[in-house]
């Protein structure tokens, strides 16, 4: 996984939708600090969280991971 691409895209999607880290972490049922670490590239999500993020933003996992530029 390209940590930097994932972290940039996750943060961009979150801010585009107008969610704070607090709101987004609550919706994903994870801690705000975990979400922050994802956005900083300091931690990678497990597969189930990755799927939840893709589903929530209606984008492909390939988009989140930087394998395509098509959402």
N, C-alpha and C. Protein backbone atom coordinates (compact mmCIF):
# COMPACT_ATOMS: atom_id res chain seq x y z
N UNK A 1 0.85 -1.18 0.00
CA UNK A 1 0.00 0.00 0.00
C UNK A 1 0.89 1.23 0.00
N UNK A 2 0.56 2.18 -0.83
CA UNK A 2 1.27 3.47 -0.85
C UNK A 2 0.70 4.32 0.28
N UNK A 3 1.40 4.31 1.42
CA UNK A 3 0.89 5.00 2.61
C UNK A 3 0.61 6.47 2.36
N UNK A 4 1.51 7.13 1.64
CA UNK A 4 1.33 8.56 1.42
C UNK A 4 0.12 8.84 0.54
N UNK A 5 -0.07 8.03 -0.49
CA UNK A 5 -1.22 8.24 -1.37
C UNK A 5 -2.51 7.97 -0.59
N UNK A 6 -2.53 6.87 0.16
CA UNK A 6 -3.73 6.55 0.94
C UNK A 6 -4.03 7.67 1.93
N UNK A 7 -3.02 8.11 2.66
CA UNK A 7 -3.26 9.13 3.68
C UNK A 7 -3.74 10.44 3.06
N UNK A 8 -3.16 10.82 1.93
CA UNK A 8 -3.58 12.06 1.25
C UNK A 8 -5.02 11.94 0.76
N UNK A 9 -5.34 10.81 0.16
CA UNK A 9 -6.69 10.64 -0.38
C UNK A 9 -7.73 10.54 0.72
N UNK A 10 -7.40 9.87 1.80
CA UNK A 10 -8.34 9.76 2.91
C UNK A 10 -8.64 11.15 3.48
N UNK A 11 -7.61 11.92 3.72
CA UNK A 11 -7.82 13.26 4.28
C UNK A 11 -8.59 14.14 3.31
N UNK A 12 -8.25 14.05 2.01
CA UNK A 12 -8.94 14.86 1.00
C UNK A 12 -10.42 14.50 0.94
N UNK A 13 -10.74 13.21 0.95
CA UNK A 13 -12.14 12.79 0.90
C UNK A 13 -12.89 13.27 2.14
N UNK A 14 -12.25 13.14 3.29
CA UNK A 14 -12.90 13.56 4.54
C UNK A 14 -13.19 15.06 4.52
N UNK A 15 -12.20 15.85 4.12
CA UNK A 15 -12.40 17.30 4.14
C UNK A 15 -13.36 17.75 3.03
N UNK A 16 -13.34 17.08 1.88
CA UNK A 16 -14.29 17.41 0.82
C UNK A 16 -15.73 17.24 1.29
N UNK A 17 -15.95 16.22 2.10
CA UNK A 17 -17.30 15.96 2.62
C UNK A 17 -17.62 16.80 3.85
N UNK A 18 -16.64 17.52 4.37
CA UNK A 18 -16.88 18.42 5.49
C UNK A 18 -16.91 17.76 6.85
N UNK A 19 -16.30 16.58 6.97
CA UNK A 19 -16.27 15.88 8.24
C UNK A 19 -15.01 16.23 9.02
N UNK A 20 -15.17 16.39 10.33
CA UNK A 20 -14.00 16.52 11.21
C UNK A 20 -13.46 15.11 11.46
N UNK A 21 -12.27 15.03 12.02
CA UNK A 21 -11.74 13.71 12.38
C UNK A 21 -12.64 13.05 13.42
N UNK A 22 -13.15 13.84 14.33
CA UNK A 22 -14.04 13.30 15.37
C UNK A 22 -15.28 12.66 14.74
N UNK A 23 -15.91 13.38 13.82
CA UNK A 23 -17.11 12.87 13.17
C UNK A 23 -16.82 11.61 12.36
N UNK A 24 -15.75 11.68 11.57
CA UNK A 24 -15.40 10.55 10.69
C UNK A 24 -15.04 9.31 11.50
N UNK A 25 -14.28 9.49 12.56
CA UNK A 25 -13.88 8.34 13.37
C UNK A 25 -15.11 7.71 14.04
N UNK A 26 -16.06 8.52 14.45
CA UNK A 26 -17.28 7.99 15.04
C UNK A 26 -18.08 7.19 14.02
N UNK A 27 -18.15 7.68 12.80
CA UNK A 27 -18.88 6.98 11.74
C UNK A 27 -18.23 5.65 11.38
N UNK A 28 -16.90 5.60 11.47
CA UNK A 28 -16.16 4.38 11.14
C UNK A 28 -15.98 3.47 12.36
N UNK A 29 -16.41 3.97 13.52
CA UNK A 29 -16.28 3.23 14.78
C UNK A 29 -14.82 2.92 15.12
N UNK A 30 -13.96 3.93 14.93
CA UNK A 30 -12.56 3.84 15.31
C UNK A 30 -12.22 5.09 16.13
N UNK A 31 -11.08 5.08 16.78
CA UNK A 31 -10.70 6.26 17.57
C UNK A 31 -10.22 7.38 16.64
N UNK A 32 -10.33 8.61 17.15
CA UNK A 32 -9.85 9.75 16.37
C UNK A 32 -8.35 9.65 16.17
N UNK A 33 -7.63 9.17 17.17
CA UNK A 33 -6.18 9.05 17.03
C UNK A 33 -5.80 8.04 15.95
N UNK A 34 -6.56 6.98 15.81
CA UNK A 34 -6.29 6.00 14.75
C UNK A 34 -6.51 6.63 13.38
N UNK A 35 -7.61 7.36 13.23
CA UNK A 35 -7.86 8.05 11.97
C UNK A 35 -6.75 9.05 11.66
N UNK A 36 -6.32 9.77 12.67
CA UNK A 36 -5.23 10.72 12.51
C UNK A 36 -3.96 10.02 12.03
N UNK A 37 -3.67 8.87 12.60
CA UNK A 37 -2.47 8.12 12.18
C UNK A 37 -2.60 7.64 10.74
N UNK A 38 -3.80 7.25 10.32
CA UNK A 38 -4.02 6.89 8.92
C UNK A 38 -3.71 8.09 8.03
N UNK A 39 -4.21 9.25 8.41
CA UNK A 39 -4.03 10.45 7.60
C UNK A 39 -2.59 10.95 7.59
N UNK A 40 -1.82 10.59 8.59
CA UNK A 40 -0.42 10.97 8.65
C UNK A 40 0.50 9.92 8.04
N UNK A 41 -0.07 8.78 7.64
CA UNK A 41 0.72 7.71 7.07
C UNK A 41 1.52 6.93 8.10
N UNK A 42 1.12 7.03 9.37
CA UNK A 42 1.83 6.34 10.45
C UNK A 42 1.23 4.98 10.77
N UNK A 43 0.08 4.69 10.20
CA UNK A 43 -0.60 3.43 10.46
C UNK A 43 -1.42 3.06 9.23
N UNK A 44 -1.57 1.77 8.99
CA UNK A 44 -2.39 1.29 7.88
C UNK A 44 -3.66 0.65 8.42
N UNK A 45 -4.78 0.85 7.73
CA UNK A 45 -6.02 0.23 8.20
C UNK A 45 -6.05 -1.26 7.88
N UNK A 46 -6.80 -2.00 8.67
CA UNK A 46 -7.03 -3.41 8.35
C UNK A 46 -7.98 -3.45 7.14
N UNK A 47 -8.11 -4.62 6.56
CA UNK A 47 -8.94 -4.75 5.37
C UNK A 47 -10.39 -4.31 5.62
N UNK A 48 -10.94 -4.68 6.75
CA UNK A 48 -12.34 -4.35 6.99
C UNK A 48 -12.55 -2.83 7.09
N UNK A 49 -11.62 -2.12 7.71
CA UNK A 49 -11.73 -0.65 7.79
C UNK A 49 -11.52 -0.04 6.41
N UNK A 50 -10.59 -0.58 5.64
CA UNK A 50 -10.36 -0.09 4.28
C UNK A 50 -11.63 -0.23 3.44
N UNK A 51 -12.30 -1.34 3.57
CA UNK A 51 -13.57 -1.56 2.86
C UNK A 51 -14.62 -0.57 3.34
N UNK A 52 -14.70 -0.37 4.66
CA UNK A 52 -15.67 0.59 5.22
C UNK A 52 -15.43 2.00 4.69
N UNK A 53 -14.16 2.40 4.60
CA UNK A 53 -13.82 3.73 4.10
C UNK A 53 -14.23 3.86 2.63
N UNK A 54 -13.89 2.85 1.83
CA UNK A 54 -14.25 2.87 0.40
C UNK A 54 -15.76 2.93 0.23
N UNK A 55 -16.48 2.13 0.98
CA UNK A 55 -17.94 2.12 0.89
C UNK A 55 -18.53 3.45 1.33
N UNK A 56 -18.02 4.00 2.43
CA UNK A 56 -18.54 5.25 2.95
C UNK A 56 -18.42 6.38 1.93
N UNK A 57 -17.25 6.47 1.28
CA UNK A 57 -17.02 7.54 0.31
C UNK A 57 -17.41 7.16 -1.11
N UNK A 58 -17.90 5.94 -1.28
CA UNK A 58 -18.32 5.46 -2.59
C UNK A 58 -17.18 5.56 -3.61
N UNK A 59 -16.01 5.11 -3.20
CA UNK A 59 -14.84 5.06 -4.08
C UNK A 59 -14.29 3.64 -4.04
N UNK A 60 -13.44 3.31 -5.01
CA UNK A 60 -12.85 1.98 -5.02
C UNK A 60 -11.64 1.93 -4.08
N UNK A 61 -11.34 0.74 -3.65
CA UNK A 61 -10.13 0.54 -2.84
C UNK A 61 -8.91 0.89 -3.68
N UNK A 62 -8.94 0.58 -4.96
CA UNK A 62 -7.81 0.94 -5.84
C UNK A 62 -7.59 2.45 -5.84
N UNK A 63 -8.66 3.23 -5.81
CA UNK A 63 -8.51 4.69 -5.74
C UNK A 63 -7.84 5.08 -4.42
N UNK A 64 -8.31 4.54 -3.32
CA UNK A 64 -7.73 4.86 -2.02
C UNK A 64 -6.24 4.53 -1.96
N UNK A 65 -5.87 3.43 -2.60
CA UNK A 65 -4.48 2.98 -2.55
C UNK A 65 -3.59 3.61 -3.62
N UNK A 66 -4.19 4.43 -4.48
CA UNK A 66 -3.40 5.10 -5.50
C UNK A 66 -3.12 4.28 -6.73
N UNK A 67 -3.87 3.19 -6.91
CA UNK A 67 -3.67 2.33 -8.09
C UNK A 67 -4.41 2.86 -9.30
N UNK A 68 -5.34 3.77 -9.08
CA UNK A 68 -6.08 4.42 -10.16
C UNK A 68 -6.48 5.82 -9.70
N UNK A 69 -6.73 6.68 -10.66
CA UNK A 69 -7.21 8.01 -10.33
C UNK A 69 -8.72 8.13 -10.50
N UNK A 70 -9.35 7.03 -10.89
CA UNK A 70 -10.80 6.99 -11.05
C UNK A 70 -11.42 6.58 -9.73
N UNK A 71 -12.27 7.46 -9.20
CA UNK A 71 -12.89 7.16 -7.90
C UNK A 71 -13.80 5.95 -8.02
